[in-house]
Amino acid sequence: MESLDDRPSAPNAERPVEESPDGGKVSRIASHTQGLFADLREWIDLRVDLAILEMEERLDAFKNDLALGLTVAVFAFFAAFFSLTTVALGVGWLLGHPFWGFLAVSVALILIIVTLRVTKPALMPPSNLFESLRGERAASDEGPSSRPASAAVDEADGAEAQASAPDAKA
């Protein structure tokens, strides 16, 4: 039996045609193609299933985070409510009447709200993600061509003018 290297390489050289018992080359190619399409279809189905599962996981994580946030917010509300009530009763006891304690706490809370509304402080620092990404890109782009395209065009026009000037003199 000849190996691949021993066969003649001429295009019209005689090559032995090996008949396969299952119907020949065309049926073998057809069965391989059908298998390829079946595998591709299965792979696509699996990718779709994976995408669906990833979305379900994200949705479940979001729902869990939302439920936890609401639970913490409810307990924080009641803790703040009872703490402020305790402070108001304590200040009222010191001033001689509970009304004065609740009034003092209410005025303090109103002053805090008004101060925050007037000053509008930045309680959370800005992320500056866009600028940091642009800065990184600009730093990585700095190299041989860190000038604007208009500068390159101006230089090319100047070089053409200089090149045509000696031709005109000659």
N, C-alpha and C. Protein backbone atom coordinates (compact mmCIF):
# COMPACT_ATOMS: atom_id res chain seq x y z
N MET A 1 0.84 -1.17 0.00
CA MET A 1 0.00 0.00 0.00
C MET A 1 0.88 1.23 0.00
N GLU A 2 0.53 2.22 -0.79
CA GLU A 2 1.33 3.42 -0.93
C GLU A 2 0.99 4.41 0.18
N SER A 3 1.99 5.12 0.63
CA SER A 3 1.74 6.20 1.58
C SER A 3 1.47 7.47 0.78
N LEU A 4 1.14 8.52 1.44
CA LEU A 4 0.84 9.78 0.76
C LEU A 4 2.05 10.29 -0.02
N ASP A 5 3.25 10.10 0.50
CA ASP A 5 4.44 10.60 -0.17
C ASP A 5 4.80 9.77 -1.40
N ASP A 6 4.39 8.51 -1.45
CA ASP A 6 4.74 7.64 -2.56
C ASP A 6 3.81 7.80 -3.75
N ARG A 7 2.66 8.43 -3.59
CA ARG A 7 1.72 8.58 -4.70
C ARG A 7 2.23 9.61 -5.70
N PRO A 8 1.91 9.45 -6.95
CA PRO A 8 2.34 10.45 -7.94
C PRO A 8 1.58 11.75 -7.71
N SER A 9 2.26 12.88 -7.94
CA SER A 9 1.65 14.16 -7.67
C SER A 9 1.09 14.83 -8.91
N ALA A 10 1.15 14.22 -10.06
CA ALA A 10 0.59 14.80 -11.28
C ALA A 10 -0.92 14.86 -11.17
N PRO A 11 -1.55 15.90 -11.74
CA PRO A 11 -3.00 16.04 -11.57
C PRO A 11 -3.79 14.94 -12.26
N ASN A 12 -3.32 14.42 -13.36
CA ASN A 12 -4.09 13.38 -14.05
C ASN A 12 -3.50 11.99 -13.85
N ALA A 13 -2.71 11.83 -12.82
CA ALA A 13 -2.10 10.52 -12.54
C ALA A 13 -3.16 9.57 -12.02
N GLU A 14 -2.94 8.33 -12.27
CA GLU A 14 -3.90 7.30 -11.84
C GLU A 14 -3.76 7.11 -10.34
N ARG A 15 -4.87 7.24 -9.69
CA ARG A 15 -4.91 6.97 -8.25
C ARG A 15 -5.92 5.88 -8.02
N PRO A 16 -5.60 5.00 -7.15
CA PRO A 16 -6.57 3.93 -6.90
C PRO A 16 -7.78 4.48 -6.15
N VAL A 17 -8.95 4.18 -6.64
CA VAL A 17 -10.19 4.61 -6.00
C VAL A 17 -10.58 3.54 -5.01
N GLU A 18 -10.62 3.93 -3.76
CA GLU A 18 -10.97 2.98 -2.72
C GLU A 18 -12.45 3.12 -2.42
N GLU A 19 -13.18 2.13 -2.69
CA GLU A 19 -14.61 2.12 -2.42
C GLU A 19 -14.83 1.73 -0.97
N SER A 20 -15.58 2.54 -0.27
CA SER A 20 -15.90 2.17 1.10
C SER A 20 -17.16 1.32 1.08
N PRO A 21 -17.29 0.46 2.01
CA PRO A 21 -18.44 -0.45 2.00
C PRO A 21 -19.76 0.26 2.24
N ASP A 22 -19.74 1.49 2.74
CA ASP A 22 -21.00 2.16 3.08
C ASP A 22 -21.50 3.09 1.99
N GLY A 23 -21.05 2.98 0.76
CA GLY A 23 -21.65 3.73 -0.32
C GLY A 23 -20.74 4.70 -1.02
N GLY A 24 -19.51 4.84 -0.69
CA GLY A 24 -18.61 5.70 -1.43
C GLY A 24 -18.31 7.01 -0.74
N LYS A 25 -17.54 7.81 -1.48
CA LYS A 25 -17.07 9.07 -0.91
C LYS A 25 -18.21 10.07 -0.70
N VAL A 26 -19.14 10.15 -1.64
CA VAL A 26 -20.22 11.13 -1.55
C VAL A 26 -21.08 10.87 -0.33
N SER A 27 -21.41 9.63 -0.10
CA SER A 27 -22.24 9.32 1.08
C SER A 27 -21.46 9.54 2.37
N ARG A 28 -20.15 9.28 2.32
CA ARG A 28 -19.32 9.52 3.51
C ARG A 28 -19.25 11.02 3.80
N ILE A 29 -19.06 11.84 2.73
CA ILE A 29 -19.03 13.29 2.91
C ILE A 29 -20.39 13.79 3.40
N ALA A 30 -21.47 13.23 2.84
CA ALA A 30 -22.81 13.63 3.27
C ALA A 30 -23.04 13.28 4.73
N SER A 31 -22.60 12.11 5.15
CA SER A 31 -22.81 11.74 6.56
C SER A 31 -21.96 12.61 7.48
N HIS A 32 -20.73 12.94 7.04
CA HIS A 32 -19.89 13.84 7.85
C HIS A 32 -20.52 15.23 7.92
N THR A 33 -21.07 15.72 6.81
CA THR A 33 -21.71 17.03 6.79
C THR A 33 -22.94 17.05 7.69
N GLN A 34 -23.73 15.97 7.63
CA GLN A 34 -24.90 15.89 8.52
C GLN A 34 -24.47 15.86 9.98
N GLY A 35 -23.40 15.14 10.25
CA GLY A 35 -22.88 15.12 11.62
C GLY A 35 -22.39 16.47 12.07
N LEU A 36 -21.72 17.19 11.13
CA LEU A 36 -21.24 18.53 11.44
C LEU A 36 -22.40 19.47 11.73
N PHE A 37 -23.45 19.42 10.91
CA PHE A 37 -24.63 20.26 11.16
C PHE A 37 -25.31 19.89 12.47
N ALA A 38 -25.38 18.62 12.78
CA ALA A 38 -25.99 18.20 14.04
C ALA A 38 -25.17 18.72 15.22
N ASP A 39 -23.84 18.60 15.12
CA ASP A 39 -22.98 19.10 16.19
C ASP A 39 -23.09 20.61 16.32
N LEU A 40 -23.12 21.33 15.18
CA LEU A 40 -23.26 22.78 15.21
C LEU A 40 -24.59 23.19 15.82
N ARG A 41 -25.65 22.51 15.45
CA ARG A 41 -26.98 22.81 16.02
C ARG A 41 -26.98 22.57 17.52
N GLU A 42 -26.36 21.46 17.95
CA GLU A 42 -26.29 21.16 19.38
C GLU A 42 -25.47 22.21 20.12
N TRP A 43 -24.34 22.64 19.50
CA TRP A 43 -23.50 23.66 20.13
C TRP A 43 -24.26 24.97 20.27
N ILE A 44 -25.00 25.36 19.23
CA ILE A 44 -25.78 26.60 19.29
C ILE A 44 -26.85 26.49 20.38
N ASP A 45 -27.53 25.35 20.45
CA ASP A 45 -28.54 25.15 21.50
C ASP A 45 -27.93 25.26 22.88
N LEU A 46 -26.74 24.69 23.05
CA LEU A 46 -26.07 24.75 24.34
C LEU A 46 -25.65 26.17 24.68
N ARG A 47 -25.19 26.94 23.69
CA ARG A 47 -24.82 28.33 23.93
C ARG A 47 -26.05 29.16 24.34
N VAL A 48 -27.18 28.91 23.68
CA VAL A 48 -28.41 29.61 24.03
C VAL A 48 -28.82 29.25 25.46
N ASP A 49 -28.74 27.96 25.79
CA ASP A 49 -29.07 27.53 27.15
C ASP A 49 -28.14 28.18 28.17
N LEU A 50 -26.85 28.27 27.83
CA LEU A 50 -25.90 28.90 28.74
C LEU A 50 -26.22 30.38 28.93
N ALA A 51 -26.57 31.07 27.86
CA ALA A 51 -26.92 32.49 27.97
C ALA A 51 -28.17 32.66 28.83
N ILE A 52 -29.14 31.78 28.66
CA ILE A 52 -30.36 31.85 29.47
C ILE A 52 -30.03 31.62 30.95
N LEU A 53 -29.19 30.63 31.23
CA LEU A 53 -28.82 30.35 32.62
C LEU A 53 -28.05 31.52 33.23
N GLU A 54 -27.15 32.15 32.45
CA GLU A 54 -26.42 33.30 32.98
C GLU A 54 -27.35 34.45 33.28
N MET A 55 -28.33 34.70 32.42
CA MET A 55 -29.29 35.76 32.68
C MET A 55 -30.15 35.45 33.90
N GLU A 56 -30.54 34.19 34.05
CA GLU A 56 -31.31 33.80 35.24
C GLU A 56 -30.49 34.01 36.51
N GLU A 57 -29.19 33.67 36.46
CA GLU A 57 -28.34 33.87 37.63
C GLU A 57 -28.22 35.35 37.97
N ARG A 58 -28.04 36.20 36.94
CA ARG A 58 -27.96 37.64 37.19
C ARG A 58 -29.27 38.16 37.77
N LEU A 59 -30.38 37.71 37.22
CA LEU A 59 -31.68 38.16 37.71
C LEU A 59 -31.91 37.70 39.15
N ASP A 60 -31.54 36.46 39.45
CA ASP A 60 -31.69 35.96 40.82
C ASP A 60 -30.80 36.75 41.79
N ALA A 61 -29.57 37.05 41.38
CA ALA A 61 -28.68 37.82 42.24
C ALA A 61 -29.24 39.22 42.46
N PHE A 62 -29.79 39.83 41.39
CA PHE A 62 -30.38 41.17 41.54
C PHE A 62 -31.58 41.13 42.48
N LYS A 63 -32.44 40.11 42.34
CA LYS A 63 -33.61 40.00 43.23
C LYS A 63 -33.17 39.79 44.66
N ASN A 64 -32.16 38.97 44.89
CA ASN A 64 -31.67 38.75 46.25
C ASN A 64 -31.08 40.03 46.84
N ASP A 65 -30.30 40.76 46.02
CA ASP A 65 -29.73 42.03 46.50
C ASP A 65 -30.83 43.04 46.82
N LEU A 66 -31.85 43.09 45.97
CA LEU A 66 -32.97 44.01 46.20
C LEU A 66 -33.71 43.65 47.48
N ALA A 67 -33.99 42.36 47.68
CA ALA A 67 -34.69 41.94 48.89
C ALA A 67 -33.86 42.23 50.14
N LEU A 68 -32.57 41.99 50.06
CA LEU A 68 -31.69 42.27 51.20
C LEU A 68 -31.65 43.78 51.48
N GLY A 69 -31.55 44.59 50.40
CA GLY A 69 -31.52 46.04 50.57
C GLY A 69 -32.80 46.56 51.20
N LEU A 70 -33.95 46.05 50.75
CA LEU A 70 -35.23 46.48 51.34
C LEU A 70 -35.34 46.07 52.80
N THR A 71 -34.91 44.86 53.11
CA THR A 71 -34.96 44.39 54.50
C THR A 71 -34.08 45.26 55.40
N VAL A 72 -32.87 45.55 54.94
CA VAL A 72 -31.97 46.41 55.72
C VAL A 72 -32.55 47.80 55.86
N ALA A 73 -33.16 48.32 54.78
CA ALA A 73 -33.75 49.67 54.83
C ALA A 73 -34.89 49.73 55.84
N VAL A 74 -35.74 48.70 55.88
CA VAL A 74 -36.86 48.69 56.83
C VAL A 74 -36.34 48.66 58.26
N PHE A 75 -35.37 47.78 58.53
CA PHE A 75 -34.82 47.72 59.89
C PHE A 75 -34.07 48.99 60.26
N ALA A 76 -33.37 49.59 59.29
CA ALA A 76 -32.66 50.84 59.56
C ALA A 76 -33.66 51.96 59.84
N PHE A 77 -34.78 51.97 59.11
CA PHE A 77 -35.81 52.99 59.37
C PHE A 77 -36.33 52.89 60.79
N PHE A 78 -36.68 51.66 61.22
CA PHE A 78 -37.21 51.50 62.57
C PHE A 78 -36.16 51.78 63.62
N ALA A 79 -34.89 51.42 63.36
CA ALA A 79 -33.83 51.71 64.32
C ALA A 79 -33.65 53.22 64.45
N ALA A 80 -33.65 53.93 63.33
CA ALA A 80 -33.51 55.39 63.38
C ALA A 80 -34.72 56.02 64.05
N PHE A 81 -35.91 55.50 63.76
CA PHE A 81 -37.13 56.03 64.35
C PHE A 81 -37.10 55.90 65.87
N PHE A 82 -36.76 54.69 66.35
CA PHE A 82 -36.74 54.50 67.80
C PHE A 82 -35.58 55.25 68.45
N SER A 83 -34.46 55.38 67.76
CA SER A 83 -33.34 56.16 68.31
C SER A 83 -33.71 57.62 68.44
N LEU A 84 -34.36 58.17 67.39
CA LEU A 84 -34.78 59.57 67.47
C LEU A 84 -35.86 59.78 68.53
N THR A 85 -36.74 58.80 68.69
CA THR A 85 -37.76 58.90 69.73
C THR A 85 -37.10 58.90 71.11
N THR A 86 -36.11 58.04 71.27
CA THR A 86 -35.39 57.98 72.54
C THR A 86 -34.67 59.30 72.82
N VAL A 87 -34.02 59.86 71.80
CA VAL A 87 -33.32 61.14 71.97
C VAL A 87 -34.32 62.23 72.31
N ALA A 88 -35.46 62.23 71.60
CA ALA A 88 -36.48 63.27 71.86
C ALA A 88 -37.02 63.15 73.28
N LEU A 89 -37.30 61.93 73.74
CA LEU A 89 -37.79 61.76 75.12
C LEU A 89 -36.73 62.16 76.13
N GLY A 90 -35.46 61.84 75.83
CA GLY A 90 -34.38 62.23 76.76
C GLY A 90 -34.22 63.73 76.84
N VAL A 91 -34.24 64.43 75.69
CA VAL A 91 -34.12 65.89 75.69
C VAL A 91 -35.35 66.50 76.36
N GLY A 92 -36.53 65.94 76.11
CA GLY A 92 -37.76 66.42 76.76
C GLY A 92 -37.71 66.23 78.26
N TRP A 93 -37.14 65.15 78.72
CA TRP A 93 -37.01 64.90 80.17
C TRP A 93 -36.08 65.94 80.78
N LEU A 94 -34.97 66.26 80.02
CA LEU A 94 -34.05 67.28 80.53
C LEU A 94 -34.69 68.66 80.55
N LEU A 95 -35.57 68.96 79.57
CA LEU A 95 -36.20 70.28 79.49
C LEU A 95 -37.49 70.35 80.30
N GLY A 96 -37.96 69.23 80.79
CA GLY A 96 -39.12 69.25 81.67
C GLY A 96 -40.42 68.83 81.01
N HIS A 97 -40.49 68.71 79.67
CA HIS A 97 -41.71 68.29 79.00
C HIS A 97 -41.33 67.57 77.70
N PRO A 98 -41.97 66.41 77.40
CA PRO A 98 -41.61 65.66 76.18
C PRO A 98 -41.79 66.46 74.90
N PHE A 99 -42.75 67.40 74.89
CA PHE A 99 -42.99 68.21 73.70
C PHE A 99 -41.72 68.94 73.28
N TRP A 100 -41.00 69.52 74.22
CA TRP A 100 -39.79 70.27 73.90
C TRP A 100 -38.70 69.36 73.32
N GLY A 101 -38.63 68.16 73.75
CA GLY A 101 -37.65 67.20 73.22
C GLY A 101 -37.94 66.85 71.77
N PHE A 102 -39.23 66.57 71.47
CA PHE A 102 -39.60 66.26 70.08
C PHE A 102 -39.41 67.48 69.18
N LEU A 103 -39.71 68.65 69.71
CA LEU A 103 -39.51 69.88 68.94
C LEU A 103 -38.03 70.09 68.65
N ALA A 104 -37.17 69.88 69.63
CA ALA A 104 -35.73 70.08 69.45
C ALA A 104 -35.17 69.09 68.41
N VAL A 105 -35.59 67.83 68.47
CA VAL A 105 -35.12 66.83 67.50
C VAL A 105 -35.65 67.16 66.11
N SER A 106 -36.90 67.56 66.01
CA SER A 106 -37.48 67.93 64.70
C SER A 106 -36.76 69.12 64.10
N VAL A 107 -36.48 70.15 64.90
CA VAL A 107 -35.76 71.32 64.40
C VAL A 107 -34.35 70.94 63.95
N ALA A 108 -33.68 70.08 64.71
CA ALA A 108 -32.33 69.63 64.32
C ALA A 108 -32.37 68.88 62.98
N LEU A 109 -33.35 68.00 62.80
CA LEU A 109 -33.47 67.26 61.53
C LEU A 109 -33.79 68.19 60.37
N ILE A 110 -34.66 69.18 60.60
CA ILE A 110 -35.01 70.13 59.54
C ILE A 110 -33.78 70.97 59.17
N LEU A 111 -33.00 71.39 60.15
CA LEU A 111 -31.78 72.14 59.87
C LEU A 111 -30.77 71.31 59.06
N ILE A 112 -30.65 70.05 59.38
CA ILE A 112 -29.76 69.17 58.62
C ILE A 112 -30.23 69.05 57.17
N ILE A 113 -31.54 68.88 56.98
CA ILE A 113 -32.09 68.75 55.62
C ILE A 113 -31.88 70.04 54.83
N VAL A 114 -32.16 71.17 55.44
CA VAL A 114 -32.01 72.46 54.74
C VAL A 114 -30.54 72.69 54.40
N THR A 115 -29.64 72.40 55.33
CA THR A 115 -28.20 72.58 55.07
C THR A 115 -27.75 71.71 53.90
N LEU A 116 -28.19 70.47 53.86
CA LEU A 116 -27.82 69.58 52.76
C LEU A 116 -28.38 70.07 51.43
N ARG A 117 -29.62 70.57 51.44
CA ARG A 117 -30.24 71.05 50.20
C ARG A 117 -29.55 72.32 49.68
N VAL A 118 -29.13 73.19 50.59
CA VAL A 118 -28.52 74.44 50.18
C VAL A 118 -27.09 74.22 49.69
N THR A 119 -26.31 73.44 50.43
CA THR A 119 -24.90 73.26 50.08
C THR A 119 -24.70 72.23 48.97
N LYS A 120 -25.57 71.27 48.86
CA LYS A 120 -25.48 70.19 47.86
C LYS A 120 -24.07 69.61 47.80
N PRO A 121 -23.62 69.04 48.91
CA PRO A 121 -22.25 68.50 48.91
C PRO A 121 -22.16 67.22 48.07
N ALA A 122 -20.97 66.94 47.60
CA ALA A 122 -20.74 65.69 46.86
C ALA A 122 -20.48 64.59 47.89
N LEU A 123 -21.51 63.86 48.22
CA LEU A 123 -21.37 62.81 49.23
C LEU A 123 -20.62 61.59 48.68
N MET A 124 -20.77 61.36 47.39
CA MET A 124 -20.05 60.27 46.73
C MET A 124 -19.09 60.89 45.72
N PRO A 125 -17.83 60.49 45.75
CA PRO A 125 -16.89 61.07 44.77
C PRO A 125 -17.25 60.58 43.37
N PRO A 126 -17.02 61.41 42.35
CA PRO A 126 -17.34 60.97 40.99
C PRO A 126 -16.40 59.84 40.58
N SER A 127 -16.92 58.95 39.74
CA SER A 127 -16.12 57.78 39.35
C SER A 127 -15.03 58.13 38.36
N ASN A 128 -15.28 59.11 37.48
CA ASN A 128 -14.30 59.53 36.47
C ASN A 128 -13.81 58.35 35.65
N LEU A 129 -14.66 57.36 35.43
CA LEU A 129 -14.27 56.18 34.67
C LEU A 129 -13.97 56.55 33.23
N PHE A 130 -14.80 57.40 32.65
CA PHE A 130 -14.60 57.78 31.25
C PHE A 130 -13.27 58.49 31.06
N GLU A 131 -12.96 59.44 31.95
CA GLU A 131 -11.70 60.16 31.82
C GLU A 131 -10.51 59.26 32.06
N SER A 132 -10.63 58.33 33.00
CA SER A 132 -9.50 57.44 33.26
C SER A 132 -9.26 56.51 32.08
N LEU A 133 -10.34 56.05 31.44
CA LEU A 133 -10.17 55.21 30.26
C LEU A 133 -9.59 56.01 29.10
N ARG A 134 -10.08 57.24 28.91
CA ARG A 134 -9.54 58.08 27.84
C ARG A 134 -8.08 58.41 28.12
N GLY A 135 -7.74 58.65 29.37
CA GLY A 135 -6.36 58.94 29.72
C GLY A 135 -5.44 57.77 29.45
N GLU A 136 -5.89 56.56 29.77
CA GLU A 136 -5.10 55.36 29.49
C GLU A 136 -4.93 55.17 28.00
N ARG A 137 -6.01 55.40 27.24
CA ARG A 137 -5.93 55.23 25.79
C ARG A 137 -5.00 56.27 25.19
N ALA A 138 -5.09 57.51 25.70
CA ALA A 138 -4.21 58.57 25.18
C ALA A 138 -2.76 58.26 25.50
N ALA A 139 -2.50 57.74 26.69
CA ALA A 139 -1.14 57.40 27.08
C ALA A 139 -0.61 56.25 26.23
N SER A 140 -1.45 55.29 25.89
CA SER A 140 -1.01 54.16 25.08
C SER A 140 -0.86 54.56 23.62
N ASP A 141 -1.60 55.58 23.17
CA ASP A 141 -1.50 56.04 21.78
C ASP A 141 -0.30 56.94 21.56
N GLU A 142 0.25 57.50 22.64
CA GLU A 142 1.40 58.37 22.47
C GLU A 142 2.56 57.54 21.98
N GLY A 143 3.03 57.89 20.86
CA GLY A 143 4.11 57.14 20.25
C GLY A 143 4.58 57.92 19.05
N PRO A 144 4.87 57.23 17.96
CA PRO A 144 5.38 57.94 16.80
C PRO A 144 4.35 58.88 16.17
N SER A 145 3.08 58.61 16.30
CA SER A 145 2.08 59.47 15.66
C SER A 145 1.10 60.00 16.70
N SER A 146 1.59 60.87 17.60
CA SER A 146 0.73 61.42 18.63
C SER A 146 0.20 62.80 18.24
N ARG A 147 0.36 63.20 16.98
CA ARG A 147 -0.13 64.50 16.53
C ARG A 147 -1.45 64.31 15.81
N PRO A 148 -2.23 65.35 15.69
CA PRO A 148 -3.51 65.22 15.00
C PRO A 148 -3.29 65.01 13.51
N ALA A 149 -4.31 64.48 12.84
CA ALA A 149 -4.22 64.17 11.42
C ALA A 149 -4.06 65.44 10.60
N SER A 150 -4.64 66.55 11.05
CA SER A 150 -4.51 67.79 10.29
C SER A 150 -3.06 68.25 10.23
N ALA A 151 -2.27 67.98 11.27
CA ALA A 151 -0.86 68.35 11.25
C ALA A 151 -0.11 67.54 10.21
N ALA A 152 -0.45 66.28 10.08
CA ALA A 152 0.20 65.44 9.08
C ALA A 152 -0.16 65.90 7.68
N VAL A 153 -1.39 66.31 7.46
CA VAL A 153 -1.81 66.81 6.15
C VAL A 153 -1.08 68.11 5.84
N ASP A 154 -0.97 69.01 6.83
CA ASP A 154 -0.25 70.26 6.62
C ASP A 154 1.21 70.01 6.26
N GLU A 155 1.85 69.03 6.92
CA GLU A 155 3.24 68.71 6.62
C GLU A 155 3.37 68.14 5.22
N ALA A 156 2.41 67.30 4.81
CA ALA A 156 2.46 66.71 3.48
C ALA A 156 2.29 67.79 2.41
N ASP A 157 1.41 68.77 2.63
CA ASP A 157 1.22 69.88 1.68
C ASP A 157 2.49 70.72 1.60
N GLY A 158 3.14 70.96 2.70
CA GLY A 158 4.39 71.72 2.73
C GLY A 158 5.49 70.99 1.99
N ALA A 159 5.56 69.67 2.14
CA ALA A 159 6.58 68.87 1.46
C ALA A 159 6.34 68.88 -0.04
N GLU A 160 5.06 68.82 -0.47
CA GLU A 160 4.74 68.86 -1.89
C GLU A 160 5.10 70.22 -2.47
N ALA A 161 4.85 71.28 -1.72
CA ALA A 161 5.19 72.62 -2.20
C ALA A 161 6.69 72.78 -2.36
N GLN A 162 7.46 72.23 -1.42
CA GLN A 162 8.91 72.31 -1.50
C GLN A 162 9.45 71.46 -2.65
N ALA A 163 8.80 70.32 -2.88
CA ALA A 163 9.25 69.43 -3.95
C ALA A 163 8.96 70.05 -5.31
N SER A 164 7.84 70.74 -5.45
CA SER A 164 7.48 71.36 -6.74
C SER A 164 8.25 72.65 -6.97
N ALA A 165 8.73 73.30 -5.93
CA ALA A 165 9.47 74.55 -6.07
C ALA A 165 10.80 74.34 -6.81
N PRO A 166 11.61 73.33 -6.52
CA PRO A 166 12.87 73.13 -7.27
C PRO A 166 12.59 72.79 -8.73
N ASP A 167 11.47 72.10 -9.02
CA ASP A 167 11.14 71.78 -10.40
C ASP A 167 10.83 73.03 -11.18
N ALA A 168 10.20 74.01 -10.54
CA ALA A 168 9.85 75.25 -11.23
C ALA A 168 11.09 76.07 -11.53
N LYS A 169 12.12 76.00 -10.66
CA LYS A 169 13.35 76.75 -10.86
C LYS A 169 14.19 76.13 -11.97
N ALA A 170 14.09 74.85 -12.14
CA ALA A 170 14.94 74.18 -13.11
C ALA A 170 14.51 74.34 -14.52
